[in-house]
């Protein structure tokens, strides 16, 4: 089976997005240019930030319609990240709450991509 190991968000300004994610993740990009930036998570998964103005082949109208999920071990960790991100000025779309799958909150990056931190209910 083919294993996915990289996600790419099309962004308006890769430099702005790179700065946002460096602040959010407290780690530098492993690659950065005027049209692309990339982060490597400890799991090995990569997050690419590609200029929607230079991506080839050209994409249709680009809208933020997905989420990047961050699974954590406990409800307390969800609350801790919520407070940390809020203090960093990250736009919060959903405050911490219990949902069918677990405890979660949702934030948003500068291009409207959703960032969900969650602890799965056991």
PDB file of N, CA and C in Angstrom:
ATOM      1  N   UNK A   1       0.833  -1.176   0.000  1.00  0.00           N
ATOM      2  CA  UNK A   1       0.000   0.000   0.000  1.00  0.00           C
ATOM      3  C   UNK A   1       0.882   1.245   0.000  1.00  0.00           C
ATOM      4  N   UNK A   2       0.524   2.212  -0.790  1.00  0.00           N
ATOM      5  CA  UNK A   2       1.230   3.485  -0.854  1.00  0.00           C
ATOM      6  C   UNK A   2       0.974   4.275   0.422  1.00  0.00           C
ATOM      7  N   UNK A   3       2.010   4.838   1.022  1.00  0.00           N
ATOM      8  CA  UNK A   3       1.890   5.549   2.288  1.00  0.00           C
ATOM      9  C   UNK A   3       2.026   7.052   2.048  1.00  0.00           C
ATOM     10  N   UNK A   4       1.011   7.820   2.433  1.00  0.00           N
ATOM     11  CA  UNK A   4       1.078   9.282   2.304  1.00  0.00           C
ATOM     12  C   UNK A   4       1.987   9.839   3.394  1.00  0.00           C
ATOM     13  N   UNK A   5       2.880  10.736   3.008  1.00  0.00           N
ATOM     14  CA  UNK A   5       3.785  11.318   3.990  1.00  0.00           C
ATOM     15  C   UNK A   5       3.974  12.821   3.829  1.00  0.00           C
ATOM     16  N   UNK A   6       3.187  13.436   2.936  1.00  0.00           N
ATOM     17  CA  UNK A   6       3.298  14.883   2.743  1.00  0.00           C
ATOM     18  C   UNK A   6       1.937  15.461   2.384  1.00  0.00           C
ATOM     19  N   UNK A   7       1.639  16.570   3.020  1.00  0.00           N
ATOM     20  CA  UNK A   7       0.440  17.329   2.723  1.00  0.00           C
ATOM     21  C   UNK A   7       0.879  18.698   2.227  1.00  0.00           C
ATOM     22  N   UNK A   8       0.174  19.241   1.249  1.00  0.00           N
ATOM     23  CA  UNK A   8       0.512  20.555   0.709  1.00  0.00           C
ATOM     24  C   UNK A   8      -0.714  21.456   0.813  1.00  0.00           C
ATOM     25  N   UNK A   9      -0.527  22.625   1.405  1.00  0.00           N
ATOM     26  CA  UNK A   9      -1.547  23.663   1.405  1.00  0.00           C
ATOM     27  C   UNK A   9      -1.132  24.697   0.372  1.00  0.00           C
ATOM     28  N   UNK A  10      -2.055  25.091  -0.495  1.00  0.00           N
ATOM     29  CA  UNK A  10      -1.813  26.201  -1.401  1.00  0.00           C
ATOM     30  C   UNK A  10      -2.093  27.479  -0.624  1.00  0.00           C
ATOM     31  N   UNK A  11      -1.136  28.392  -0.630  1.00  0.00           N
ATOM     32  CA  UNK A  11      -1.229  29.596   0.197  1.00  0.00           C
ATOM     33  C   UNK A  11      -1.015  30.846  -0.650  1.00  0.00           C
ATOM     34  N   UNK A  12      -1.489  31.948  -0.164  1.00  0.00           N
ATOM     35  CA  UNK A  12      -1.349  33.210  -0.873  1.00  0.00           C
ATOM     36  C   UNK A  12       0.084  33.721  -0.816  1.00  0.00           C
ATOM     37  N   UNK A  13       0.708  33.624   0.350  1.00  0.00           N
ATOM     38  CA  UNK A  13       2.047  34.157   0.549  1.00  0.00           C
ATOM     39  C   UNK A  13       2.857  33.157   1.387  1.00  0.00           C
ATOM     40  N   UNK A  14       3.712  32.349   0.767  1.00  0.00           N
ATOM     41  CA  UNK A  14       4.465  31.345   1.518  1.00  0.00           C
ATOM     42  C   UNK A  14       5.315  31.908   2.661  1.00  0.00           C
ATOM     43  N   UNK A  15       5.812  33.110   2.520  1.00  0.00           N
ATOM     44  CA  UNK A  15       6.624  33.698   3.585  1.00  0.00           C
ATOM     45  C   UNK A  15       5.766  33.982   4.817  1.00  0.00           C
ATOM     46  N   UNK A  16       4.581  34.549   4.611  1.00  0.00           N
ATOM     47  CA  UNK A  16       3.653  34.810   5.721  1.00  0.00           C
ATOM     48  C   UNK A  16       3.240  33.487   6.360  1.00  0.00           C
ATOM     49  N   UNK A  17       2.916  32.503   5.536  1.00  0.00           N
ATOM     50  CA  UNK A  17       2.505  31.197   6.062  1.00  0.00           C
ATOM     51  C   UNK A  17       3.652  30.507   6.795  1.00  0.00           C
ATOM     52  N   UNK A  18       4.867  30.599   6.259  1.00  0.00           N
ATOM     53  CA  UNK A  18       6.042  30.018   6.927  1.00  0.00           C
ATOM     54  C   UNK A  18       6.208  30.633   8.313  1.00  0.00           C
ATOM     55  N   UNK A  19       6.119  31.955   8.391  1.00  0.00           N
ATOM     56  CA  UNK A  19       6.275  32.633   9.680  1.00  0.00           C
ATOM     57  C   UNK A  19       5.182  32.200  10.659  1.00  0.00           C
ATOM     58  N   UNK A  20       3.957  32.067  10.168  1.00  0.00           N
ATOM     59  CA  UNK A  20       2.848  31.618  11.006  1.00  0.00           C
ATOM     60  C   UNK A  20       3.136  30.235  11.577  1.00  0.00           C
ATOM     61  N   UNK A  21       3.517  29.291  10.728  1.00  0.00           N
ATOM     62  CA  UNK A  21       3.757  27.922  11.187  1.00  0.00           C
ATOM     63  C   UNK A  21       5.009  27.802  12.042  1.00  0.00           C
ATOM     64  N   UNK A  22       6.043  28.594  11.776  1.00  0.00           N
ATOM     65  CA  UNK A  22       7.224  28.591  12.651  1.00  0.00           C
ATOM     66  C   UNK A  22       6.825  29.015  14.047  1.00  0.00           C
ATOM     67  N   UNK A  23       5.991  30.037  14.156  1.00  0.00           N
ATOM     68  CA  UNK A  23       5.524  30.503  15.453  1.00  0.00           C
ATOM     69  C   UNK A  23       4.622  29.466  16.107  1.00  0.00           C
ATOM     70  N   UNK A  24       3.707  28.896  15.338  1.00  0.00           N
ATOM     71  CA  UNK A  24       2.748  27.928  15.866  1.00  0.00           C
ATOM     72  C   UNK A  24       3.438  26.653  16.345  1.00  0.00           C
ATOM     73  N   UNK A  25       4.361  26.130  15.547  1.00  0.00           N
ATOM     74  CA  UNK A  25       5.003  24.854  15.831  1.00  0.00           C
ATOM     75  C   UNK A  25       6.292  24.991  16.646  1.00  0.00           C
ATOM     76  N   UNK A  26       6.757  26.220  16.816  1.00  0.00           N
ATOM     77  CA  UNK A  26       8.015  26.482  17.535  1.00  0.00           C
ATOM     78  C   UNK A  26       9.178  25.707  16.926  1.00  0.00           C
ATOM     79  N   UNK A  27       9.219  25.699  15.602  1.00  0.00           N
ATOM     80  CA  UNK A  27      10.337  25.063  14.884  1.00  0.00           C
ATOM     81  C   UNK A  27      10.498  25.732  13.528  1.00  0.00           C
ATOM     82  N   UNK A  28      11.721  25.759  13.018  1.00  0.00           N
ATOM     83  CA  UNK A  28      11.944  26.392  11.718  1.00  0.00           C
ATOM     84  C   UNK A  28      11.503  25.498  10.562  1.00  0.00           C
ATOM     85  N   UNK A  29      11.263  26.112   9.442  1.00  0.00           N
ATOM     86  CA  UNK A  29      10.994  25.369   8.213  1.00  0.00           C
ATOM     87  C   UNK A  29      12.267  24.635   7.805  1.00  0.00           C
ATOM     88  N   UNK A  30      12.122  23.448   7.217  1.00  0.00           N
ATOM     89  CA  UNK A  30      13.301  22.716   6.736  1.00  0.00           C
ATOM     90  C   UNK A  30      13.676  23.168   5.332  1.00  0.00           C
ATOM     91  N   UNK A  31      12.770  23.859   4.682  1.00  0.00           N
ATOM     92  CA  UNK A  31      13.026  24.422   3.354  1.00  0.00           C
ATOM     93  C   UNK A  31      12.176  25.679   3.230  1.00  0.00           C
ATOM     94  N   UNK A  32      12.737  26.716   2.610  1.00  0.00           N
ATOM     95  CA  UNK A  32      11.975  27.945   2.418  1.00  0.00           C
ATOM     96  C   UNK A  32      12.502  28.710   1.220  1.00  0.00           C
ATOM     97  N   UNK A  33      11.581  29.144   0.371  1.00  0.00           N
ATOM     98  CA  UNK A  33      11.899  29.999  -0.771  1.00  0.00           C
ATOM     99  C   UNK A  33      10.722  30.956  -0.916  1.00  0.00           C
ATOM    100  N   UNK A  34      10.803  31.891  -1.843  1.00  0.00           N
ATOM    101  CA  UNK A  34       9.678  32.820  -2.017  1.00  0.00           C
ATOM    102  C   UNK A  34       8.373  32.143  -2.452  1.00  0.00           C
ATOM    103  N   UNK A  35       8.454  30.923  -3.017  1.00  0.00           N
ATOM    104  CA  UNK A  35       7.235  30.283  -3.508  1.00  0.00           C
ATOM    105  C   UNK A  35       6.856  28.999  -2.768  1.00  0.00           C
ATOM    106  N   UNK A  36       7.708  28.537  -1.832  1.00  0.00           N
ATOM    107  CA  UNK A  36       7.440  27.268  -1.162  1.00  0.00           C
ATOM    108  C   UNK A  36       8.154  27.210   0.181  1.00  0.00           C
ATOM    109  N   UNK A  37       7.494  26.601   1.160  1.00  0.00           N
ATOM    110  CA  UNK A  37       8.125  26.322   2.462  1.00  0.00           C
ATOM    111  C   UNK A  37       7.677  24.941   2.900  1.00  0.00           C
ATOM    112  N   UNK A  38       8.521  24.296   3.724  1.00  0.00           N
ATOM    113  CA  UNK A  38       8.183  22.949   4.158  1.00  0.00           C
ATOM    114  C   UNK A  38       8.605  22.734   5.607  1.00  0.00           C
ATOM    115  N   UNK A  39       7.746  22.022   6.339  1.00  0.00           N
ATOM    116  CA  UNK A  39       8.009  21.647   7.718  1.00  0.00           C
ATOM    117  C   UNK A  39       7.981  20.131   7.829  1.00  0.00           C
ATOM    118  N   UNK A  40       8.831  19.600   8.718  1.00  0.00           N
ATOM    119  CA  UNK A  40       8.861  18.167   8.987  1.00  0.00           C
ATOM    120  C   UNK A  40       8.431  17.966  10.440  1.00  0.00           C
ATOM    121  N   UNK A  41       7.388  17.149  10.628  1.00  0.00           N
ATOM    122  CA  UNK A  41       6.939  16.806  11.962  1.00  0.00           C
ATOM    123  C   UNK A  41       7.784  15.663  12.495  1.00  0.00           C
ATOM    124  N   UNK A  42       7.788  15.475  13.810  1.00  0.00           N
ATOM    125  CA  UNK A  42       8.590  14.395  14.404  1.00  0.00           C
ATOM    126  C   UNK A  42       8.150  13.023  13.896  1.00  0.00           C
ATOM    127  N   UNK A  43       6.915  12.904  13.422  1.00  0.00           N
ATOM    128  CA  UNK A  43       6.422  11.645  12.851  1.00  0.00           C
ATOM    129  C   UNK A  43       7.024  11.358  11.481  1.00  0.00           C
ATOM    130  N   UNK A  44       7.682  12.369  10.893  1.00  0.00           N
ATOM    131  CA  UNK A  44       8.232  12.237   9.548  1.00  0.00           C
ATOM    132  C   UNK A  44       7.326  12.821   8.476  1.00  0.00           C
ATOM    133  N   UNK A  45       6.080  13.114   8.819  1.00  0.00           N
ATOM    134  CA  UNK A  45       5.143  13.712   7.868  1.00  0.00           C
ATOM    135  C   UNK A  45       5.602  15.133   7.542  1.00  0.00           C
ATOM    136  N   UNK A  46       5.463  15.492   6.270  1.00  0.00           N
ATOM    137  CA  UNK A  46       5.855  16.820   5.797  1.00  0.00           C
ATOM    138  C   UNK A  46       4.630  17.669   5.523  1.00  0.00           C
ATOM    139  N   UNK A  47       4.745  18.962   5.784  1.00  0.00           N
ATOM    140  CA  UNK A  47       3.718  19.938   5.428  1.00  0.00           C
ATOM    141  C   UNK A  47       4.358  20.956   4.497  1.00  0.00           C
ATOM    142  N   UNK A  48       3.883  20.994   3.255  1.00  0.00           N
ATOM    143  CA  UNK A  48       4.364  21.953   2.282  1.00  0.00           C
ATOM    144  C   UNK A  48       3.407  23.122   2.169  1.00  0.00           C
ATOM    145  N   UNK A  49       3.944  24.298   1.968  1.00  0.00           N
ATOM    146  CA  UNK A  49       3.166  25.525   1.785  1.00  0.00           C
ATOM    147  C   UNK A  49       3.585  26.107   0.444  1.00  0.00           C
ATOM    148  N   UNK A  50       2.750  25.950  -0.580  1.00  0.00           N
ATOM    149  CA  UNK A  50       3.098  26.290  -1.950  1.00  0.00           C
ATOM    150  C   UNK A  50       2.272  27.480  -2.405  1.00  0.00           C
ATOM    151  N   UNK A  51       2.907  28.435  -3.023  1.00  0.00           N
ATOM    152  CA  UNK A  51       2.200  29.608  -3.524  1.00  0.00           C
ATOM    153  C   UNK A  51       1.109  29.197  -4.505  1.00  0.00           C
ATOM    154  N   UNK A  52      -0.118  29.587  -4.221  1.00  0.00           N
ATOM    155  CA  UNK A  52      -1.232  29.258  -5.122  1.00  0.00           C
ATOM    156  C   UNK A  52      -1.090  29.991  -6.456  1.00  0.00           C
ATOM    157  N   UNK A  53      -0.190  30.963  -6.503  1.00  0.00           N
ATOM    158  CA  UNK A  53       0.033  31.739  -7.726  1.00  0.00           C
ATOM    159  C   UNK A  53       1.054  31.081  -8.652  1.00  0.00           C
ATOM    160  N   UNK A  54       1.842  30.132  -8.111  1.00  0.00           N
ATOM    161  CA  UNK A  54       2.898  29.527  -8.927  1.00  0.00           C
ATOM    162  C   UNK A  54       2.796  28.011  -9.025  1.00  0.00           C
ATOM    163  N   UNK A  55       1.833  27.399  -8.356  1.00  0.00           N
ATOM    164  CA  UNK A  55       1.715  25.937  -8.392  1.00  0.00           C
ATOM    165  C   UNK A  55       1.476  25.480  -9.828  1.00  0.00           C
ATOM    166  N   UNK A  56       2.146  24.406 -10.203  1.00  0.00           N
ATOM    167  CA  UNK A  56       1.995  23.802 -11.531  1.00  0.00           C
ATOM    168  C   UNK A  56       1.653  22.331 -11.385  1.00  0.00           C
ATOM    169  N   UNK A  57       0.711  21.809 -12.120  1.00  0.00           N
ATOM    170  CA  UNK A  57      -0.157  22.559 -13.015  1.00  0.00           C
ATOM    171  C   UNK A  57      -1.084  23.470 -12.214  1.00  0.00           C
ATOM    172  N   UNK A  58      -1.530  24.516 -12.861  1.00  0.00           N
ATOM    173  CA  UNK A  58      -2.398  25.493 -12.221  1.00  0.00           C
ATOM    174  C   UNK A  58      -3.597  24.784 -11.598  1.00  0.00           C
ATOM    175  N   UNK A  59      -3.949  25.208 -10.411  1.00  0.00           N
ATOM    176  CA  UNK A  59      -5.126  24.672  -9.749  1.00  0.00           C
ATOM    177  C   UNK A  59      -6.321  25.568 -10.064  1.00  0.00           C
ATOM    178  N   UNK A  60      -7.506  25.011  -9.949  1.00  0.00           N
ATOM    179  CA  UNK A  60      -8.710  25.816 -10.122  1.00  0.00           C
ATOM    180  C   UNK A  60      -8.813  26.810  -8.978  1.00  0.00           C
ATOM    181  N   UNK A  61      -9.974  27.362  -8.790  1.00  0.00           N
ATOM    182  CA  UNK A  61     -10.155  28.293  -7.681  1.00  0.00           C
ATOM    183  C   UNK A  61      -9.818  27.565  -6.392  1.00  0.00           C
ATOM    184  N   UNK A  62      -8.967  28.171  -5.606  1.00  0.00           N
ATOM    185  CA  UNK A  62      -8.483  27.519  -4.400  1.00  0.00           C
ATOM    186  C   UNK A  62      -9.202  28.096  -3.196  1.00  0.00           C
ATOM    187  N   UNK A  63      -9.831  27.203  -2.455  1.00  0.00           N
ATOM    188  CA  UNK A  63     -10.474  27.586  -1.201  1.00  0.00           C
ATOM    189  C   UNK A  63      -9.994  26.625  -0.128  1.00  0.00           C
ATOM    190  N   UNK A  64      -9.931  27.100   1.084  1.00  0.00           N
ATOM    191  CA  UNK A  64      -9.535  26.237   2.188  1.00  0.00           C
ATOM    192  C   UNK A  64     -10.722  25.346   2.529  1.00  0.00           C
ATOM    193  N   UNK A  65     -10.542  24.039   2.399  1.00  0.00           N
ATOM    194  CA  UNK A  65     -11.671  23.152   2.640  1.00  0.00           C
ATOM    195  C   UNK A  65     -11.291  21.901   3.413  1.00  0.00           C
ATOM    196  N   UNK A  66     -10.151  21.887   4.034  1.00  0.00           N
ATOM    197  CA  UNK A  66      -9.724  20.710   4.766  1.00  0.00           C
ATOM    198  C   UNK A  66      -9.159  21.080   6.123  1.00  0.00           C
ATOM    199  N   UNK A  67      -8.634  20.085   6.797  1.00  0.00           N
ATOM    200  CA  UNK A  67      -8.064  20.289   8.124  1.00  0.00           C
ATOM    201  C   UNK A  67      -6.734  19.569   8.242  1.00  0.00           C
ATOM    202  N   UNK A  68      -5.871  20.115   9.067  1.00  0.00           N
ATOM    203  CA  UNK A  68      -4.652  19.452   9.488  1.00  0.00           C
ATOM    204  C   UNK A  68      -4.878  19.097  10.950  1.00  0.00           C
ATOM    205  N   UNK A  69      -4.839  17.811  11.270  1.00  0.00           N
ATOM    206  CA  UNK A  69      -5.140  17.362  12.626  1.00  0.00           C
ATOM    207  C   UNK A  69      -3.897  17.086  13.436  1.00  0.00           C
ATOM    208  N   UNK A  70      -3.968  17.427  14.704  1.00  0.00           N
ATOM    209  CA  UNK A  70      -2.890  17.191  15.660  1.00  0.00           C
ATOM    210  C   UNK A  70      -3.464  16.377  16.821  1.00  0.00           C
ATOM    211  N   UNK A  71      -3.228  15.070  16.829  1.00  0.00           N
ATOM    212  CA  UNK A  71      -3.710  14.218  17.908  1.00  0.00           C
ATOM    213  C   UNK A  71      -2.798  14.370  19.123  1.00  0.00           C
ATOM    214  N   UNK A  72      -3.398  14.576  20.280  1.00  0.00           N
ATOM    215  CA  UNK A  72      -2.648  14.673  21.534  1.00  0.00           C
ATOM    216  C   UNK A  72      -3.188  13.626  22.504  1.00  0.00           C
ATOM    217  N   UNK A  73      -2.480  13.417  23.604  1.00  0.00           N
ATOM    218  CA  UNK A  73      -2.769  12.301  24.496  1.00  0.00           C
ATOM    219  C   UNK A  73      -3.892  12.538  25.495  1.00  0.00           C
ATOM    220  N   UNK A  74      -4.255  13.802  25.752  1.00  0.00           N
ATOM    221  CA  UNK A  74      -5.247  14.040  26.816  1.00  0.00           C
ATOM    222  C   UNK A  74      -6.042  15.311  26.566  1.00  0.00           C
ATOM    223  N   UNK A  75      -7.185  15.401  27.245  1.00  0.00           N
ATOM    224  CA  UNK A  75      -8.001  16.613  27.184  1.00  0.00           C
ATOM    225  C   UNK A  75      -7.216  17.807  27.720  1.00  0.00           C
ATOM    226  N   UNK A  76      -6.398  17.586  28.745  1.00  0.00           N
ATOM    227  CA  UNK A  76      -5.596  18.671  29.312  1.00  0.00           C
ATOM    228  C   UNK A  76      -4.633  19.230  28.263  1.00  0.00           C
ATOM    229  N   UNK A  77      -4.065  18.367  27.435  1.00  0.00           N
ATOM    230  CA  UNK A  77      -3.159  18.845  26.380  1.00  0.00           C
ATOM    231  C   UNK A  77      -3.923  19.674  25.349  1.00  0.00           C
ATOM    232  N   UNK A  78      -5.160  19.300  25.064  1.00  0.00           N
ATOM    233  CA  UNK A  78      -5.994  20.115  24.162  1.00  0.00           C
ATOM    234  C   UNK A  78      -6.134  21.510  24.755  1.00  0.00           C
ATOM    235  N   UNK A  79      -6.481  21.583  26.043  1.00  0.00           N
ATOM    236  CA  UNK A  79      -6.633  22.883  26.701  1.00  0.00           C
ATOM    237  C   UNK A  79      -5.324  23.667  26.717  1.00  0.00           C
ATOM    238  N   UNK A  80      -4.208  22.967  26.944  1.00  0.00           N
ATOM    239  CA  UNK A  80      -2.900  23.638  26.972  1.00  0.00           C
ATOM    240  C   UNK A  80      -2.575  24.252  25.605  1.00  0.00           C
ATOM    241  N   UNK A  81      -2.770  23.489  24.531  1.00  0.00           N
ATOM    242  CA  UNK A  81      -2.497  24.027  23.187  1.00  0.00           C
ATOM    243  C   UNK A  81      -3.461  25.163  22.846  1.00  0.00           C
ATOM    244  N   UNK A  82      -4.693  25.038  23.248  1.00  0.00           N
ATOM    245  CA  UNK A  82      -5.662  26.120  23.021  1.00  0.00           C
ATOM    246  C   UNK A  82      -5.142  27.422  23.636  1.00  0.00           C
ATOM    247  N   UNK A  83      -4.708  27.355  24.883  1.00  0.00           N
ATOM    248  CA  UNK A  83      -4.202  28.554  25.559  1.00  0.00           C
ATOM    249  C   UNK A  83      -2.931  29.079  24.891  1.00  0.00           C
ATOM    250  N   UNK A  84      -2.007  28.177  24.533  1.00  0.00           N
ATOM    251  CA  UNK A  84      -0.757  28.589  23.879  1.00  0.00           C
ATOM    252  C   UNK A  84      -1.033  29.275  22.549  1.00  0.00           C
ATOM    253  N   UNK A  85      -1.881  28.661  21.729  1.00  0.00           N
ATOM    254  CA  UNK A  85      -2.163  29.221  20.408  1.00  0.00           C
ATOM    255  C   UNK A  85      -2.915  30.540  20.524  1.00  0.00           C
ATOM    256  N   UNK A  86      -3.840  30.610  21.460  1.00  0.00           N
ATOM    257  CA  UNK A  86      -4.584  31.856  21.679  1.00  0.00           C
ATOM    258  C   UNK A  86      -3.617  32.984  22.067  1.00  0.00           C
ATOM    259  N   UNK A  87      -2.659  32.667  22.944  1.00  0.00           N
ATOM    260  CA  UNK A  87      -1.663  33.667  23.357  1.00  0.00           C
ATOM    261  C   UNK A  87      -0.769  34.089  22.202  1.00  0.00           C
ATOM    262  N   UNK A  88      -0.561  33.199  21.228  1.00  0.00           N
ATOM    263  CA  UNK A  88       0.247  33.530  20.048  1.00  0.00           C
ATOM    264  C   UNK A  88      -0.551  34.321  19.021  1.00  0.00           C
ATOM    265  N   UNK A  89      -1.844  34.543  19.272  1.00  0.00           N
ATOM    266  CA  UNK A  89      -2.665  35.317  18.348  1.00  0.00           C
ATOM    267  C   UNK A  89      -3.266  34.504  17.216  1.00  0.00           C
ATOM    268  N   UNK A  90      -3.251  33.171  17.329  1.00  0.00           N
ATOM    269  CA  UNK A  90      -3.834  32.320  16.299  1.00  0.00           C
ATOM    270  C   UNK A  90      -5.351  32.494  16.316  1.00  0.00           C
ATOM    271  N   UNK A  91      -5.942  32.589  15.135  1.00  0.00           N
ATOM    272  CA  UNK A  91      -7.396  32.742  15.016  1.00  0.00           C
ATOM    273  C   UNK A  91      -8.087  31.436  15.424  1.00  0.00           C
ATOM    274  N   UNK A  92      -8.900  31.501  16.456  1.00  0.00           N
ATOM    275  CA  UNK A  92      -9.615  30.329  16.967  1.00  0.00           C
ATOM    276  C   UNK A  92     -11.022  30.308  16.382  1.00  0.00           C
ATOM    277  N   UNK A  93     -11.394  29.187  15.797  1.00  0.00           N
ATOM    278  CA  UNK A  93     -12.722  29.036  15.189  1.00  0.00           C
ATOM    279  C   UNK A  93     -13.692  28.280  16.086  1.00  0.00           C
ATOM    280  N   UNK A  94     -13.166  27.427  16.944  1.00  0.00           N
ATOM    281  CA  UNK A  94     -13.992  26.612  17.835  1.00  0.00           C
ATOM    282  C   UNK A  94     -13.231  26.453  19.147  1.00  0.00           C
ATOM    283  N   UNK A  95     -13.838  26.874  20.238  1.00  0.00           N
ATOM    284  CA  UNK A  95     -13.207  26.711  21.537  1.00  0.00           C
ATOM    285  C   UNK A  95     -13.263  25.235  21.944  1.00  0.00           C
ATOM    286  N   UNK A  96     -12.448  24.828  22.918  1.00  0.00           N
ATOM    287  CA  UNK A  96     -12.437  23.418  23.309  1.00  0.00           C
ATOM    288  C   UNK A  96     -13.828  22.922  23.707  1.00  0.00           C
ATOM    289  N   UNK A  97     -14.161  21.767  23.161  1.00  0.00           N
ATOM    290  CA  UNK A  97     -15.448  21.157  23.478  1.00  0.00           C
ATOM    291  C   UNK A  97     -15.414  19.670  23.161  1.00  0.00           C
ATOM    292  N   UNK A  98     -16.337  18.955  23.796  1.00  0.00           N
ATOM    293  CA  UNK A  98     -16.460  17.528  23.560  1.00  0.00           C
ATOM    294  C   UNK A  98     -17.313  17.314  22.313  1.00  0.00           C
ATOM    295  N   UNK A  99     -16.840  16.453  21.419  1.00  0.00           N
ATOM    296  CA  UNK A  99     -17.589  16.074  20.226  1.00  0.00           C
ATOM    297  C   UNK A  99     -17.680  14.543  20.198  1.00  0.00           C
ATOM    298  N   UNK A 100     -18.333  13.991  19.192  1.00  0.00           N
ATOM    299  CA  UNK A 100     -18.527  12.541  19.121  1.00  0.00           C
ATOM    300  C   UNK A 100     -17.219  11.762  19.207  1.00  0.00           C
ATOM    301  N   UNK A 101     -16.161  12.258  18.595  1.00  0.00           N
ATOM    302  CA  UNK A 101     -14.893  11.531  18.522  1.00  0.00           C
ATOM    303  C   UNK A 101     -13.955  11.835  19.672  1.00  0.00           C
ATOM    304  N   UNK A 102     -14.197  12.954  20.391  1.00  0.00           N
ATOM    305  CA  UNK A 102     -13.321  13.325  21.489  1.00  0.00           C
ATOM    306  C   UNK A 102     -13.364  14.812  21.776  1.00  0.00           C
ATOM    307  N   UNK A 103     -12.376  15.253  22.545  1.00  0.00           N
ATOM    308  CA  UNK A 103     -12.273  16.645  22.981  1.00  0.00           C
ATOM    309  C   UNK A 103     -11.405  17.400  21.977  1.00  0.00           C
ATOM    310  N   UNK A 104     -11.827  18.601  21.562  1.00  0.00           N
ATOM    311  CA  UNK A 104     -11.157  19.262  20.453  1.00  0.00           C
ATOM    312  C   UNK A 104     -11.341  20.768  20.467  1.00  0.00           C
ATOM    313  N   UNK A 105     -10.460  21.456  19.744  1.00  0.00           N
ATOM    314  CA  UNK A 105     -10.686  22.850  19.340  1.00  0.00           C
ATOM    315  C   UNK A 105     -10.157  23.003  17.927  1.00  0.00           C
ATOM    316  N   UNK A 106     -10.616  24.058  17.257  1.00  0.00           N
ATOM    317  CA  UNK A 106     -10.214  24.298  15.873  1.00  0.00           C
ATOM    318  C   UNK A 106      -9.720  25.727  15.728  1.00  0.00           C
ATOM    319  N   UNK A 107      -8.583  25.865  15.046  1.00  0.00           N
ATOM    320  CA  UNK A 107      -7.998  27.170  14.750  1.00  0.00           C
ATOM    321  C   UNK A 107      -7.912  27.313  13.237  1.00  0.00           C
ATOM    322  N   UNK A 108      -7.332  28.432  12.795  1.00  0.00           N
ATOM    323  CA  UNK A 108      -7.260  28.712  11.363  1.00  0.00           C
ATOM    324  C   UNK A 108      -5.933  29.386  11.053  1.00  0.00           C
ATOM    325  N   UNK A 109      -5.304  28.984   9.922  1.00  0.00           N
ATOM    326  CA  UNK A 109      -4.065  29.639   9.507  1.00  0.00           C
ATOM    327  C   UNK A 109      -4.402  30.882   8.674  1.00  0.00           C
ATOM    328  N   UNK A 110      -3.401  31.644   8.212  1.00  0.00           N
ATOM    329  CA  UNK A 110      -3.691  32.885   7.480  1.00  0.00           C
ATOM    330  C   UNK A 110      -4.495  32.691   6.190  1.00  0.00           C
ATOM    331  N   UNK A 111      -4.515  31.479   5.632  1.00  0.00           N
ATOM    332  CA  UNK A 111      -5.265  31.221   4.402  1.00  0.00           C
ATOM    333  C   UNK A 111      -6.598  30.530   4.659  1.00  0.00           C
ATOM    334  N   UNK A 112      -6.960  30.347   5.912  1.00  0.00           N
ATOM    335  CA  UNK A 112      -8.234  29.731   6.245  1.00  0.00           C
ATOM    336  C   UNK A 112      -8.211  28.224   6.373  1.00  0.00           C
ATOM    337  N   UNK A 113      -7.014  27.598   6.283  1.00  0.00           N
ATOM    338  CA  UNK A 113      -6.929  26.150   6.501  1.00  0.00           C
ATOM    339  C   UNK A 113      -7.200  25.873   7.975  1.00  0.00           C
ATOM    340  N   UNK A 114      -8.019  24.875   8.241  1.00  0.00           N
ATOM    341  CA  UNK A 114      -8.352  24.533   9.613  1.00  0.00           C
ATOM    342  C   UNK A 114      -7.247  23.696  10.258  1.00  0.00           C
ATOM    343  N   UNK A 115      -7.010  23.988  11.524  1.00  0.00           N
ATOM    344  CA  UNK A 115      -6.024  23.269  12.328  1.00  0.00           C
ATOM    345  C   UNK A 115      -6.756  22.736  13.548  1.00  0.00           C
ATOM    346  N   UNK A 116      -6.908  21.417  13.642  1.00  0.00           N
ATOM    347  CA  UNK A 116      -7.681  20.826  14.724  1.00  0.00           C
ATOM    348  C   UNK A 116      -6.757  20.062  15.672  1.00  0.00           C
ATOM    349  N   UNK A 117      -6.821  20.419  16.956  1.00  0.00           N
ATOM    350  CA  UNK A 117      -6.132  19.679  18.006  1.00  0.00           C
ATOM    351  C   UNK A 117      -7.192  18.841  18.705  1.00  0.00           C
ATOM    352  N   UNK A 118      -6.902  17.554  18.922  1.00  0.00           N
ATOM    353  CA  UNK A 118      -7.926  16.689  19.497  1.00  0.00           C
ATOM    354  C   UNK A 118      -7.334  15.563  20.314  1.00  0.00           C
ATOM    355  N   UNK A 119      -8.113  15.129  21.304  1.00  0.00           N
ATOM    356  CA  UNK A 119      -7.805  13.930  22.086  1.00  0.00           C
ATOM    357  C   UNK A 119      -8.984  12.986  21.887  1.00  0.00           C
ATOM    358  N   UNK A 120      -8.712  11.802  21.401  1.00  0.00           N
ATOM    359  CA  UNK A 120      -9.764  10.838  21.116  1.00  0.00           C
ATOM    360  C   UNK A 120     -10.346  10.303  22.425  1.00  0.00           C
ATOM    361  N   UNK A 121     -11.677  10.232  22.470  1.00  0.00           N
ATOM    362  CA  UNK A 121     -12.357   9.655  23.634  1.00  0.00           C
ATOM    363  C   UNK A 121     -12.048   8.170  23.726  1.00  0.00           C
ATOM    364  N   UNK A 122     -11.847   7.716  24.927  1.00  0.00           N
ATOM    365  CA  UNK A 122     -11.534   6.293  25.109  1.00  0.00           C
ATOM    366  C   UNK A 122     -12.687   5.572  25.724  1.00  0.00           C
TER     367      UNK A 122
END
